[in-house]
Amino acid sequence: MSNAIKVGFVPLSSAARGILVVFCDDSLKVGPASAKALGGGIELVKRAAAAAAFKGKSGAVLDILAPEGVKATRLLVIGAGKATGLKANDFLKFGGVAAGKLGAGAATMTVMAELPSGAMTSEQVVAVASGLRLRAYKFDRYKTKKKDGEEGGSRADISLAVGDVAAAKKAFVAAGHVVDGVVIARDLVNEPPNVLFPEEFARRASQLRKLGVKVEVLDVKAMQKLGMGALLGVGQGSARPSRTVIMRWDGGKKGEAPVSFIGKGVCFDTGGISIKPAGSMEDMKGDMGGAACVVGLMHALAARKAKANVVGAIGLVENMPDGNAQRPGDIVTSMSGQTIEIINTDAEGRLVLADVLWYVAKKVKPKFMVDLATLTGAIVVALGTEHAGMFSNNDELAERLLTAGIETGDKVWRMPLGPEYDKLIDSQFADMKNTGGRHGGSITAAQFLQRFVDGTPWAHLDIAGTAMGAPKTDINQSWASGYGVRLLDRLVADHYERK
């Protein structure tokens, strides 16, 4: 993993090492073990808080170097606000805030996992630990020159002082694997496109076999045999051959139908013949954020031995404009047999998903399926970078995703579907066209996808605003967010493991 932070658990009574982190409420009150660790430093905290106008607001930090009377090299007092009614996402933020103060180089830190009312619960401790690791993530493997203090890389040994060490360790096993899944997704999205092309992406996905995931890679010949003309049409202008990868985790009851997740994996998108403007085209290395999420999710589920049957499927292509590239006006035949008129070759992600969705619907026959795609700029105009757009043909599935989004912070917002929008993608030359024009662009893209789900309960997540280039947060300072891994892991847990 590219995350160089080590998190361990010790009793609340342990002596602090290195940087000491304590939490206070909006009256500056700390827990009993934290007060003991501070010793004579309590008065120092009060004086420093008054000087800095620190009020203990949620996420605010009072940073004291070489604190007098405290056995620590540095003291961080993190505000928890009212300290009542706190959610898991608050504790995730607290961990991220603490990690954000580590800086470059090696460091040790002791975090007192305690509120004024007493020791944090195991769930709260796990959220803090996850936030620490997520915030500490960096993608700098291609830098040969680093700033002063960064030559050895950022490394941290963090001890969370907790009320129940055994319970915290047990609870963090599964959560740690989910963090690993987010890190994998971030790494994939951050990779340059000359390194991560369809064949290499498929090779990396195949490494899931080490965890017991069954992985099948479909090459061009296999996809031609299946009739995947929509997906193959997108990749035909690239020197890099396309791939589809099917990943199966059988951790649930034998013979029980799985749930399925499908990811758009356009490893680089020039727009094809309908070429994009040069400005910011480099960002199109992240047009495989949906596929990255699915691989990260499958890693998390397999590593934590989820009691679930899950199939992940990703379509991997490059959309390039050479002499063999697909043209506006072409008509392709999808695996479903439906024909598609190409209006704009930059509306390519839906073509990739069309064939993979149909493959999953017909060959996997899942209970439900969710696809993720950095599909349209229109969804960013509609929702900005705070929510992914969600479209669904099933109210129950949509409600589950909304709930999981609130719980994890990977938020979704439901958008409409309807026959009025569907008419916009009817074609006079084929069964449909691949774009319905500028108005309602994210909706007509979803309407297009719905034609390939064959009635299966389905949700489409348009993650164009959340998977890459989103504003930095307390738990992510990277260009790639790893959006969707925690959301869908929670969805699976709610479906299989929390009945």
Protein backbone atom coordinates (compact mmCIF):
# COMPACT_ATOMS: atom_id res chain seq x y z
CA MET A 1 0.00 0.00 0.00
CA SER A 2 1.16 3.55 -0.67
CA ASN A 3 -0.12 4.57 2.75
CA ALA A 4 2.96 4.73 5.03
CA ILE A 5 1.16 5.15 8.34
CA LYS A 6 1.10 2.49 11.04
CA VAL A 7 -1.81 2.48 13.49
CA GLY A 8 -1.80 0.46 16.70
CA PHE A 9 -3.85 0.31 19.92
CA VAL A 10 -2.69 0.67 23.53
CA PRO A 11 -4.50 1.08 26.87
CA LEU A 12 -5.67 4.55 27.88
CA SER A 13 -3.26 4.39 30.80
CA SER A 14 -0.20 4.09 28.54
CA ALA A 15 2.43 6.81 28.60
CA ALA A 16 2.26 9.17 25.64
CA ARG A 17 4.93 8.95 22.94
CA GLY A 18 5.84 11.79 20.61
CA ILE A 19 2.92 14.05 19.72
CA LEU A 20 0.03 13.85 22.17
CA VAL A 21 -3.52 14.30 20.84
CA VAL A 22 -6.48 14.89 23.14
CA PHE A 23 -10.10 15.78 22.41
CA CYS A 24 -12.14 18.42 24.18
CA ASP A 25 -15.71 19.68 24.02
CA ASP A 26 -16.84 23.25 23.47
CA SER A 27 -16.17 24.03 27.15
CA LEU A 28 -12.57 22.77 26.79
CA LYS A 29 -13.32 19.82 29.04
CA VAL A 30 -11.32 16.62 28.37
CA GLY A 31 -11.77 13.04 29.54
CA PRO A 32 -10.22 11.70 32.77
CA ALA A 33 -7.40 9.75 31.12
CA SER A 34 -6.60 12.73 28.90
CA ALA A 35 -6.51 15.02 31.93
CA LYS A 36 -4.07 12.64 33.60
CA ALA A 37 -1.87 12.57 30.49
CA LEU A 38 -1.89 16.37 30.42
CA GLY A 39 -0.97 16.66 34.09
CA GLY A 40 0.10 20.20 34.80
CA GLY A 41 -0.51 21.06 31.16
CA ILE A 42 -4.23 21.66 31.80
CA GLU A 43 -3.60 25.29 32.74
CA LEU A 44 -1.30 25.68 29.74
CA VAL A 45 -4.15 24.53 27.48
CA LYS A 46 -6.53 27.08 29.02
CA ARG A 47 -4.06 29.93 28.56
CA ALA A 48 -3.19 28.89 25.00
CA ALA A 49 -6.88 28.51 24.13
CA ALA A 50 -7.62 32.00 25.38
CA ALA A 51 -4.71 33.46 23.43
CA ALA A 52 -5.71 31.65 20.21
CA ALA A 53 -9.48 32.16 20.66
CA PHE A 54 -9.85 28.37 20.57
CA LYS A 55 -13.41 27.38 21.53
CA GLY A 56 -13.33 23.62 21.00
CA LYS A 57 -15.34 23.85 17.79
CA SER A 58 -15.64 20.51 15.97
CA GLY A 59 -12.44 19.87 14.01
CA ALA A 60 -10.63 22.98 15.30
CA VAL A 61 -7.07 22.41 16.53
CA LEU A 62 -4.98 24.01 19.27
CA ASP A 63 -1.34 23.22 18.45
CA ILE A 64 1.20 23.69 21.24
CA LEU A 65 4.90 23.00 20.63
CA ALA A 66 7.12 21.71 23.49
CA PRO A 67 4.26 21.98 26.00
CA GLU A 68 5.45 22.77 29.51
CA GLY A 69 4.36 20.21 32.09
CA VAL A 70 3.36 17.59 29.48
CA LYS A 71 5.43 14.53 28.62
CA ALA A 72 5.12 15.07 24.88
CA THR A 73 7.10 16.85 22.19
CA ARG A 74 3.95 18.54 20.96
CA LEU A 75 0.34 18.78 22.08
CA LEU A 76 -2.69 18.84 19.78
CA VAL A 77 -6.05 19.60 21.32
CA ILE A 78 -8.81 18.79 18.83
CA GLY A 79 -12.28 20.20 19.35
CA ALA A 80 -15.22 17.80 19.30
CA GLY A 81 -17.84 20.52 19.63
CA LYS A 82 -20.90 19.58 21.69
CA ALA A 83 -19.54 16.01 22.00
CA THR A 84 -23.10 14.65 22.02
CA GLY A 85 -24.90 13.15 19.05
CA LEU A 86 -21.62 12.67 17.20
CA LYS A 87 -21.71 10.41 14.12
CA ALA A 88 -19.07 8.03 12.75
CA ASN A 89 -18.22 10.62 10.09
CA ASP A 90 -17.31 13.10 12.84
CA PHE A 91 -14.76 10.67 14.23
CA LEU A 92 -13.48 9.95 10.74
CA LYS A 93 -12.89 13.70 10.43
CA PHE A 94 -11.15 13.86 13.82
CA GLY A 95 -8.68 11.19 12.69
CA GLY A 96 -8.08 13.07 9.45
CA VAL A 97 -7.50 16.35 11.28
CA ALA A 98 -4.93 14.68 13.55
CA ALA A 99 -3.08 13.09 10.62
CA GLY A 100 -3.08 16.43 8.82
CA LYS A 101 -0.81 17.81 11.53
CA LEU A 102 1.89 15.16 11.11
CA GLY A 103 3.89 16.93 8.42
CA ALA A 104 6.79 15.40 6.50
CA GLY A 105 9.33 12.92 7.80
CA ALA A 106 9.06 10.34 10.57
CA ALA A 107 6.86 10.94 13.59
CA THR A 108 5.26 9.19 16.53
CA MET A 109 1.86 10.16 17.87
CA THR A 110 -0.38 9.09 20.73
CA VAL A 111 -4.09 9.76 20.28
CA MET A 112 -6.22 9.63 23.41
CA ALA A 113 -9.38 8.03 22.05
CA GLU A 114 -11.53 9.59 24.71
CA LEU A 115 -14.28 12.19 24.97
CA PRO A 116 -15.07 14.17 28.12
CA SER A 117 -17.68 11.52 28.96
CA GLY A 118 -15.13 8.70 28.77
CA ALA A 119 -13.49 6.26 26.37
CA MET A 120 -14.69 6.18 22.78
CA THR A 121 -16.61 3.11 21.65
CA SER A 122 -14.91 0.60 19.37
CA GLU A 123 -16.91 1.96 16.41
CA GLN A 124 -15.73 5.49 17.17
CA VAL A 125 -12.12 4.34 17.59
CA VAL A 126 -12.26 2.53 14.24
CA ALA A 127 -13.53 5.70 12.55
CA VAL A 128 -10.65 7.74 14.04
CA ALA A 129 -8.12 5.12 12.93
CA SER A 130 -9.62 5.03 9.43
CA GLY A 131 -9.52 8.81 9.20
CA LEU A 132 -5.86 8.80 10.22
CA ARG A 133 -4.94 6.38 7.46
CA LEU A 134 -7.09 7.96 4.77
CA ARG A 135 -5.69 11.46 5.38
CA ALA A 136 -2.09 10.20 5.44
CA TYR A 137 -2.37 8.83 1.89
CA LYS A 138 0.01 10.31 -0.70
CA PHE A 139 0.76 9.41 -4.30
CA ASP A 140 4.34 10.48 -4.94
CA ARG A 141 5.97 7.37 -6.38
CA TYR A 142 7.09 9.18 -9.52
CA LYS A 143 8.83 12.05 -7.74
CA THR A 144 12.62 11.77 -7.80
CA LYS A 145 13.19 15.10 -6.07
CA LYS A 146 11.43 16.03 -2.88
CA LYS A 147 11.27 19.10 -0.70
CA ASP A 148 13.41 19.52 2.40
CA GLY A 149 12.28 17.16 5.13
CA GLU A 150 10.55 14.80 2.68
CA GLU A 151 13.60 12.85 1.53
CA GLY A 152 12.75 9.88 3.72
CA GLY A 153 9.06 10.10 2.94
CA SER A 154 6.24 10.65 5.40
CA ARG A 155 6.15 7.90 8.01
CA ALA A 156 4.18 7.79 11.22
CA ASP A 157 3.77 5.35 14.08
CA ILE A 158 0.46 6.20 15.74
CA SER A 159 -0.87 4.67 18.94
CA LEU A 160 -4.55 5.04 19.76
CA ALA A 161 -5.01 4.87 23.51
CA VAL A 162 -8.35 3.09 23.96
CA GLY A 163 -10.57 1.68 26.67
CA ASP A 164 -10.64 -1.85 25.25
CA VAL A 165 -7.57 -2.80 23.19
CA ALA A 166 -8.84 -6.25 22.16
CA ALA A 167 -12.18 -4.90 20.95
CA ALA A 168 -10.53 -2.06 19.02
CA LYS A 169 -8.09 -4.43 17.31
CA LYS A 170 -10.87 -6.80 16.34
CA ALA A 171 -13.10 -4.03 15.03
CA PHE A 172 -10.32 -2.45 12.97
CA VAL A 173 -9.46 -5.63 11.08
CA ALA A 174 -12.40 -5.27 8.69
CA ALA A 175 -12.26 -1.47 8.61
CA GLY A 176 -8.55 -1.57 7.83
CA HIS A 177 -9.23 -3.71 4.78
CA VAL A 178 -11.84 -1.21 3.59
CA VAL A 179 -9.26 1.57 3.93
CA ASP A 180 -6.89 -0.58 1.87
CA GLY A 181 -9.60 -0.80 -0.79
CA VAL A 182 -9.89 2.99 -0.88
CA VAL A 183 -6.11 3.27 -1.19
CA ILE A 184 -6.12 0.81 -4.11
CA ALA A 185 -8.84 2.82 -5.87
CA ARG A 186 -6.94 6.06 -5.32
CA ASP A 187 -3.72 4.54 -6.62
CA LEU A 188 -5.41 3.32 -9.79
CA VAL A 189 -7.01 6.69 -10.54
CA ASN A 190 -3.77 8.57 -9.81
CA GLU A 191 -1.63 6.39 -12.09
CA PRO A 192 -0.53 7.97 -15.39
CA PRO A 193 -2.21 6.59 -18.52
CA ASN A 194 1.05 5.40 -20.08
CA VAL A 195 1.40 3.08 -17.07
CA LEU A 196 -2.21 2.06 -16.49
CA PHE A 197 -3.74 0.97 -19.81
CA PRO A 198 -6.39 -1.76 -20.24
CA GLU A 199 -4.05 -4.75 -20.18
CA GLU A 200 -2.15 -3.47 -17.13
CA PHE A 201 -5.39 -2.59 -15.35
CA ALA A 202 -6.62 -6.14 -15.98
CA ARG A 203 -3.33 -7.54 -14.65
CA ARG A 204 -3.70 -5.55 -11.43
CA ALA A 205 -7.30 -6.64 -11.01
CA SER A 206 -6.13 -10.23 -11.47
CA GLN A 207 -4.01 -9.90 -8.33
CA LEU A 208 -7.25 -10.28 -6.39
CA ARG A 209 -6.85 -14.01 -6.98
CA LYS A 210 -4.41 -14.00 -4.07
CA LEU A 211 -7.36 -13.19 -1.80
CA GLY A 212 -9.57 -15.95 -3.20
CA VAL A 213 -11.40 -13.87 -5.81
CA LYS A 214 -12.14 -15.72 -9.05
CA VAL A 215 -10.99 -13.49 -11.90
CA GLU A 216 -11.82 -13.94 -15.59
CA VAL A 217 -10.28 -11.63 -18.18
CA LEU A 218 -12.04 -11.35 -21.54
CA ASP A 219 -9.76 -10.35 -24.41
CA VAL A 220 -10.87 -8.83 -27.71
CA LYS A 221 -11.49 -12.20 -29.33
CA ALA A 222 -13.68 -13.33 -26.42
CA MET A 223 -15.65 -10.08 -26.51
CA GLN A 224 -16.13 -10.35 -30.27
CA LYS A 225 -17.54 -13.83 -29.75
CA LEU A 226 -19.97 -12.42 -27.16
CA GLY A 227 -21.01 -9.65 -29.55
CA MET A 228 -19.76 -6.73 -27.43
CA GLY A 229 -19.79 -4.34 -30.36
CA ALA A 230 -20.55 -1.24 -28.27
CA LEU A 231 -17.52 -1.64 -25.98
CA LEU A 232 -15.19 -2.75 -28.76
CA GLY A 233 -16.21 0.19 -30.93
CA VAL A 234 -14.87 2.60 -28.32
CA GLY A 235 -11.47 0.94 -28.14
CA GLN A 236 -10.92 0.28 -31.84
CA GLY A 237 -8.93 3.48 -32.34
CA SER A 238 -6.35 2.58 -29.72
CA ALA A 239 -3.13 0.60 -30.06
CA ARG A 240 -3.95 -0.80 -26.61
CA PRO A 241 -6.48 -3.66 -26.82
CA SER A 242 -9.61 -3.53 -24.69
CA ARG A 243 -10.41 -5.89 -21.85
CA THR A 244 -13.35 -6.85 -19.67
CA VAL A 245 -12.66 -8.29 -16.22
CA ILE A 246 -15.15 -10.32 -14.20
CA MET A 247 -14.34 -10.76 -10.48
CA ARG A 248 -16.31 -13.15 -8.26
CA TRP A 249 -16.23 -13.30 -4.47
CA ASP A 250 -18.21 -16.26 -3.12
CA GLY A 251 -18.31 -15.58 0.61
CA GLY A 252 -22.04 -16.05 1.12
CA LYS A 253 -24.39 -19.01 0.98
CA LYS A 254 -23.60 -21.51 -1.74
CA GLY A 255 -25.91 -21.13 -4.71
CA GLU A 256 -27.37 -17.81 -3.54
CA ALA A 257 -27.63 -15.19 -6.29
CA PRO A 258 -24.95 -12.50 -5.98
CA VAL A 259 -25.14 -8.74 -6.06
CA SER A 260 -23.06 -7.03 -8.70
CA PHE A 261 -21.06 -3.85 -9.24
CA ILE A 262 -20.01 -2.60 -12.66
CA GLY A 263 -17.35 0.02 -13.35
CA LYS A 264 -16.56 2.20 -16.35
CA GLY A 265 -12.85 1.81 -17.09
CA VAL A 266 -11.85 4.28 -19.80
CA CYS A 267 -8.14 4.36 -19.01
CA PHE A 268 -7.73 7.49 -21.12
CA ASP A 269 -10.36 9.47 -22.94
CA THR A 270 -9.35 11.86 -25.71
CA GLY A 271 -12.96 12.01 -26.85
CA GLY A 272 -12.02 10.08 -29.96
CA ILE A 273 -12.88 11.71 -33.30
CA SER A 274 -15.10 14.12 -31.32
CA ILE A 275 -11.90 15.17 -29.62
CA LYS A 276 -11.88 17.10 -26.36
CA PRO A 277 -10.26 20.52 -25.96
CA ALA A 278 -6.60 20.32 -24.91
CA GLY A 279 -7.16 22.17 -21.64
CA SER A 280 -7.24 19.74 -18.71
CA MET A 281 -7.35 16.70 -21.01
CA GLU A 282 -4.69 15.19 -18.74
CA ASP A 283 -7.45 14.68 -16.17
CA MET A 284 -8.97 12.06 -18.44
CA LYS A 285 -6.54 9.53 -17.00
CA GLY A 286 -9.14 9.38 -14.22
CA ASP A 287 -12.00 8.36 -16.51
CA MET A 288 -11.72 4.88 -15.04
CA GLY A 289 -12.74 5.94 -11.53
CA GLY A 290 -15.73 3.59 -11.58
CA ALA A 291 -13.59 0.58 -12.45
CA ALA A 292 -11.04 1.60 -9.81
CA CYS A 293 -13.79 1.69 -7.18
CA VAL A 294 -15.01 -1.79 -8.14
CA VAL A 295 -11.49 -3.26 -7.84
CA GLY A 296 -10.96 -1.53 -4.49
CA LEU A 297 -14.35 -2.78 -3.30
CA MET A 298 -13.64 -6.37 -4.33
CA HIS A 299 -10.32 -6.19 -2.47
CA ALA A 300 -12.06 -4.90 0.68
CA LEU A 301 -14.77 -7.59 0.56
CA ALA A 302 -12.36 -10.45 -0.04
CA ALA A 303 -9.77 -9.27 2.48
CA ARG A 304 -12.33 -8.91 5.24
CA LYS A 305 -13.94 -12.22 4.24
CA ALA A 306 -17.36 -10.68 3.69
CA LYS A 307 -20.22 -13.13 4.07
CA ALA A 308 -21.58 -12.15 0.68
CA ASN A 309 -21.68 -13.30 -2.92
CA VAL A 310 -20.51 -10.41 -5.07
CA VAL A 311 -19.54 -10.06 -8.73
CA GLY A 312 -17.53 -7.07 -9.91
CA ALA A 313 -17.28 -6.35 -13.63
CA ILE A 314 -15.23 -3.67 -15.37
CA GLY A 315 -14.94 -2.68 -19.01
CA LEU A 316 -11.45 -1.38 -19.85
CA VAL A 317 -10.75 0.66 -22.98
CA GLU A 318 -8.85 3.64 -24.34
CA ASN A 319 -10.75 6.15 -26.49
CA MET A 320 -8.22 7.33 -29.07
CA PRO A 321 -8.58 9.11 -32.46
CA ASP A 322 -6.51 7.14 -34.99
CA GLY A 323 -7.46 6.13 -38.54
CA ASN A 324 -9.40 3.14 -37.29
CA ALA A 325 -11.34 5.07 -34.67
CA GLN A 326 -15.11 5.05 -34.42
CA ARG A 327 -16.81 7.90 -36.30
CA PRO A 328 -19.90 10.00 -35.62
CA GLY A 329 -22.58 8.40 -37.76
CA ASP A 330 -21.36 4.83 -37.24
CA ILE A 331 -23.89 2.27 -36.07
CA VAL A 332 -22.74 -0.50 -33.72
CA THR A 333 -24.51 -3.59 -32.44
CA SER A 334 -24.38 -4.18 -28.70
CA MET A 335 -24.24 -7.55 -26.97
CA SER A 336 -27.97 -7.18 -26.34
CA GLY A 337 -28.60 -7.05 -30.09
CA GLN A 338 -29.78 -3.46 -29.87
CA THR A 339 -28.19 -1.10 -32.36
CA ILE A 340 -26.69 2.27 -31.45
CA GLU A 341 -26.06 5.26 -33.69
CA ILE A 342 -22.89 7.10 -32.67
CA ILE A 343 -23.64 10.81 -32.53
CA ASN A 344 -20.64 11.84 -30.46
CA THR A 345 -17.62 9.60 -29.89
CA ASP A 346 -16.99 11.39 -26.58
CA ALA A 347 -20.18 9.83 -25.20
CA GLU A 348 -18.21 6.59 -24.93
CA GLY A 349 -18.57 5.48 -21.32
CA ARG A 350 -22.19 4.51 -21.75
CA LEU A 351 -21.21 2.30 -24.69
CA VAL A 352 -18.70 0.45 -22.51
CA LEU A 353 -21.22 0.04 -19.72
CA ALA A 354 -23.99 -1.07 -22.07
CA ASP A 355 -22.24 -4.33 -22.92
CA VAL A 356 -20.94 -5.01 -19.42
CA LEU A 357 -24.36 -4.34 -17.87
CA TRP A 358 -26.00 -6.72 -20.34
CA TYR A 359 -23.33 -9.37 -19.70
CA VAL A 360 -23.95 -9.16 -15.95
CA ALA A 361 -27.73 -9.08 -16.25
CA LYS A 362 -27.84 -12.14 -18.50
CA LYS A 363 -24.93 -14.28 -17.33
CA VAL A 364 -24.66 -13.39 -13.62
CA LYS A 365 -28.36 -12.76 -12.96
CA PRO A 366 -27.73 -10.70 -9.79
CA LYS A 367 -30.24 -9.69 -7.14
CA PHE A 368 -29.36 -6.12 -7.99
CA MET A 369 -26.57 -4.28 -9.74
CA VAL A 370 -24.97 -0.88 -9.32
CA ASP A 371 -22.77 0.75 -11.92
CA LEU A 372 -20.32 3.59 -11.29
CA ALA A 373 -18.99 5.88 -13.98
CA THR A 374 -17.34 9.24 -14.42
CA LEU A 375 -19.98 9.66 -17.09
CA THR A 376 -21.06 13.26 -17.65
CA GLY A 377 -19.95 16.80 -17.03
CA ALA A 378 -23.65 17.60 -16.71
CA ILE A 379 -23.80 15.91 -13.29
CA VAL A 380 -21.05 18.22 -12.03
CA VAL A 381 -23.07 21.22 -13.21
CA ALA A 382 -26.13 19.83 -11.39
CA LEU A 383 -24.60 18.61 -8.13
CA GLY A 384 -21.08 20.01 -7.92
CA THR A 385 -18.59 17.78 -6.11
CA GLU A 386 -20.54 17.02 -2.93
CA HIS A 387 -22.84 14.27 -4.24
CA ALA A 388 -22.74 11.62 -6.93
CA GLY A 389 -25.81 11.54 -9.12
CA MET A 390 -27.93 8.44 -8.52
CA PHE A 391 -30.46 7.05 -10.99
CA SER A 392 -32.42 3.89 -10.25
CA ASN A 393 -35.31 1.75 -11.41
CA ASN A 394 -35.81 0.43 -7.87
CA ASP A 395 -36.90 2.58 -4.92
CA GLU A 396 -35.66 0.15 -2.25
CA LEU A 397 -32.16 0.00 -3.73
CA ALA A 398 -32.10 3.77 -4.11
CA GLU A 399 -33.09 4.24 -0.46
CA ARG A 400 -30.36 1.85 0.68
CA LEU A 401 -27.77 3.78 -1.29
CA LEU A 402 -28.98 7.10 0.12
CA THR A 403 -28.68 5.73 3.66
CA ALA A 404 -25.25 4.22 3.05
CA GLY A 405 -24.12 7.50 1.54
CA ILE A 406 -25.13 9.47 4.63
CA GLU A 407 -23.48 6.92 6.93
CA THR A 408 -20.17 6.87 5.08
CA GLY A 409 -19.95 10.40 3.73
CA ASP A 410 -19.85 9.10 0.12
CA LYS A 411 -23.07 10.96 -0.56
CA VAL A 412 -25.53 10.40 -3.41
CA TRP A 413 -28.50 12.41 -4.66
CA ARG A 414 -31.33 10.80 -6.56
CA MET A 415 -32.04 12.15 -10.04
CA PRO A 416 -35.09 11.46 -12.23
CA LEU A 417 -35.73 8.90 -14.92
CA GLY A 418 -38.76 8.89 -17.19
CA PRO A 419 -40.13 8.10 -20.64
CA GLU A 420 -40.04 11.78 -21.62
CA TYR A 421 -36.25 11.72 -21.33
CA ASP A 422 -36.06 8.33 -23.01
CA LYS A 423 -37.51 9.74 -26.22
CA LEU A 424 -34.51 12.04 -26.52
CA ILE A 425 -32.21 9.12 -27.36
CA ASP A 426 -34.41 7.53 -30.02
CA SER A 427 -32.68 7.40 -33.41
CA GLN A 428 -34.11 7.47 -36.93
CA PHE A 429 -31.41 5.07 -38.14
CA ALA A 430 -30.88 2.66 -35.22
CA ASP A 431 -32.60 1.52 -32.05
CA MET A 432 -31.09 4.44 -30.18
CA LYS A 433 -28.39 7.09 -30.35
CA ASN A 434 -25.61 7.52 -27.82
CA THR A 435 -26.44 11.07 -26.78
CA GLY A 436 -29.63 13.03 -26.38
CA GLY A 437 -28.14 16.48 -26.67
CA ARG A 438 -27.10 19.06 -24.13
CA HIS A 439 -30.25 19.35 -22.01
CA GLY A 440 -30.58 16.78 -19.25
CA GLY A 441 -27.32 15.16 -20.35
CA SER A 442 -26.76 13.07 -17.23
CA ILE A 443 -30.39 11.91 -17.31
CA THR A 444 -30.39 10.83 -20.95
CA ALA A 445 -27.11 8.98 -20.30
CA ALA A 446 -28.84 7.08 -17.49
CA GLN A 447 -31.86 6.41 -19.72
CA PHE A 448 -29.45 4.92 -22.25
CA LEU A 449 -27.96 2.58 -19.63
CA GLN A 450 -31.40 1.51 -18.42
CA ARG A 451 -32.03 -0.06 -21.83
CA PHE A 452 -29.34 -2.64 -21.02
CA VAL A 453 -30.32 -3.81 -17.53
CA ASP A 454 -33.13 -6.13 -18.71
CA GLY A 455 -35.37 -5.32 -15.75
CA THR A 456 -32.77 -6.15 -13.09
CA PRO A 457 -33.00 -3.90 -10.00
CA TRP A 458 -30.34 -1.35 -10.85
CA ALA A 459 -28.76 1.91 -9.84
CA HIS A 460 -26.37 4.09 -11.80
CA LEU A 461 -23.96 6.39 -9.97
CA ASP A 462 -22.52 9.24 -12.02
CA ILE A 463 -19.31 10.00 -10.10
CA ALA A 464 -17.76 12.55 -12.46
CA GLY A 465 -17.70 15.17 -9.69
CA THR A 466 -16.65 12.94 -6.79
CA ALA A 467 -14.06 10.43 -8.04
CA MET A 468 -11.31 12.79 -9.17
CA GLY A 469 -10.29 16.40 -8.81
CA ALA A 470 -12.81 17.04 -6.03
CA PRO A 471 -11.93 19.59 -3.33
CA LYS A 472 -9.56 18.34 -0.65
CA THR A 473 -11.17 17.20 2.59
CA ASP A 474 -10.16 16.24 6.12
CA ILE A 475 -9.75 12.61 4.99
CA ASN A 476 -8.37 13.11 1.50
CA GLN A 477 -5.68 15.41 0.15
CA SER A 478 -5.19 13.41 -3.05
CA TRP A 479 -6.48 14.19 -6.56
CA ALA A 480 -8.19 10.79 -6.53
CA SER A 481 -10.73 10.31 -3.75
CA GLY A 482 -11.42 6.57 -3.85
CA TYR A 483 -15.11 7.50 -3.85
CA GLY A 484 -17.56 4.61 -3.66
CA VAL A 485 -15.52 1.91 -1.93
CA ARG A 486 -16.81 2.69 1.56
CA LEU A 487 -20.30 3.43 0.21
CA LEU A 488 -20.68 0.07 -1.53
CA ASP A 489 -18.96 -1.92 1.23
CA ARG A 490 -21.60 -0.52 3.57
CA LEU A 491 -24.34 -1.39 1.07
CA VAL A 492 -23.11 -4.99 0.93
CA ALA A 493 -22.83 -5.18 4.72
CA ASP A 494 -26.36 -3.85 5.15
CA HIS A 495 -27.71 -6.32 2.59
CA TYR A 496 -25.96 -9.47 3.82
CA GLU A 497 -24.49 -8.99 7.24
CA ARG A 498 -26.84 -6.76 9.21
CA LYS A 499 -30.13 -8.56 8.71
